[in-house]
């Protein structure tokens, strides 16, 4: 499960740059958990890698819309939506 208490040191600063740093740090620290979640849905390593990459990209593009307190759930929701999109293709 995601570990929200291990966010980057940029927590003290504000702005989209800080949010992007937090998202990047969270993704790196929780890559295994996110990919395990995606594997349960997609059951294909290549698709999991694609969904993970798309998840990180979408999260970075929407960084200004996230609250740090809900970062983990928000990121897993993006991952779920990306997996569903891949299954529809």
Protein backbone atom coordinates (compact mmCIF):
# COMPACT_ATOMS: atom_id res chain seq x y z
CA UNK A 1 0.00 0.00 0.00
CA UNK A 2 1.19 3.54 -0.64
CA UNK A 3 3.26 5.23 1.99
CA UNK A 4 2.18 8.89 2.15
CA UNK A 5 4.46 9.69 5.05
CA UNK A 6 7.57 9.30 2.87
CA UNK A 7 7.10 12.33 0.65
CA UNK A 8 10.05 14.32 -0.61
CA UNK A 9 11.80 17.06 1.31
CA UNK A 10 10.08 19.61 -0.93
CA UNK A 11 6.97 19.34 1.23
CA UNK A 12 7.81 22.66 2.85
CA UNK A 13 7.70 24.54 -0.43
CA UNK A 14 4.56 25.29 -2.45
CA UNK A 15 3.56 25.34 -6.12
CA UNK A 16 3.25 23.02 -9.09
CA UNK A 17 7.01 22.39 -9.17
CA UNK A 18 6.86 21.13 -5.61
CA UNK A 19 3.83 18.99 -6.40
CA UNK A 20 5.63 17.47 -9.38
CA UNK A 21 8.63 16.70 -7.18
CA UNK A 22 6.38 15.04 -4.62
CA UNK A 23 4.64 13.00 -7.31
CA UNK A 24 7.94 11.93 -8.85
CA UNK A 25 9.34 10.95 -5.46
CA UNK A 26 6.15 9.08 -4.51
CA UNK A 27 6.14 7.20 -7.83
CA UNK A 28 9.76 6.13 -7.43
CA UNK A 29 9.25 5.05 -3.81
CA UNK A 30 6.03 3.15 -4.60
CA UNK A 31 6.76 1.86 -8.11
CA UNK A 32 6.57 -1.77 -6.95
CA UNK A 33 3.19 -1.28 -5.27
CA UNK A 34 1.73 0.56 -8.25
CA UNK A 35 3.02 -2.05 -10.69
CA UNK A 36 1.72 -4.90 -8.52
CA UNK A 37 -1.69 -3.22 -8.52
CA UNK A 38 -1.55 -2.86 -12.30
CA UNK A 39 -0.39 -6.47 -12.72
CA UNK A 40 -3.50 -7.65 -10.90
CA UNK A 41 -5.59 -5.86 -13.52
CA UNK A 42 -3.58 -6.25 -16.73
CA UNK A 43 -1.66 -9.52 -16.19
CA UNK A 44 0.94 -8.58 -18.82
CA UNK A 45 4.30 -7.07 -17.96
CA UNK A 46 4.54 -4.91 -21.08
CA UNK A 47 1.05 -3.52 -20.52
CA UNK A 48 1.88 -2.89 -16.86
CA UNK A 49 4.98 -0.92 -17.87
CA UNK A 50 2.93 1.11 -20.36
CA UNK A 51 0.21 1.80 -17.81
CA UNK A 52 2.77 2.82 -15.17
CA UNK A 53 4.46 5.23 -17.57
CA UNK A 54 1.12 6.72 -18.61
CA UNK A 55 0.13 7.02 -14.94
CA UNK A 56 3.26 8.98 -14.07
CA UNK A 57 2.88 11.23 -17.12
CA UNK A 58 -0.76 11.98 -16.39
CA UNK A 59 0.01 12.64 -12.73
CA UNK A 60 2.79 15.06 -13.65
CA UNK A 61 0.49 16.92 -16.05
CA UNK A 62 -2.16 17.27 -13.33
CA UNK A 63 0.21 17.97 -10.44
CA UNK A 64 -1.41 21.26 -9.49
CA UNK A 65 -4.73 19.50 -8.83
CA UNK A 66 -3.56 17.10 -6.13
CA UNK A 67 -3.60 17.47 -2.36
CA UNK A 68 -0.63 15.88 -0.63
CA UNK A 69 -2.91 14.16 1.89
CA UNK A 70 -4.60 12.20 -0.90
CA UNK A 71 -1.61 11.69 -3.21
CA UNK A 72 -1.51 7.90 -2.86
CA UNK A 73 -5.19 7.31 -3.53
CA UNK A 74 -5.17 9.85 -6.36
CA UNK A 75 -2.23 8.13 -8.04
CA UNK A 76 -3.76 4.66 -7.74
CA UNK A 77 -7.00 6.02 -9.22
CA UNK A 78 -5.05 7.32 -12.21
CA UNK A 79 -3.35 3.92 -12.52
CA UNK A 80 -6.74 2.19 -12.46
CA UNK A 81 -8.11 4.51 -15.15
CA UNK A 82 -5.03 3.97 -17.33
CA UNK A 83 -5.35 0.17 -16.96
CA UNK A 84 -9.02 0.34 -17.93
CA UNK A 85 -8.15 2.47 -20.94
CA UNK A 86 -5.55 -0.08 -22.08
CA UNK A 87 -8.05 -2.93 -21.68
CA UNK A 88 -10.52 -1.06 -23.88
CA UNK A 89 -8.01 -0.78 -26.73
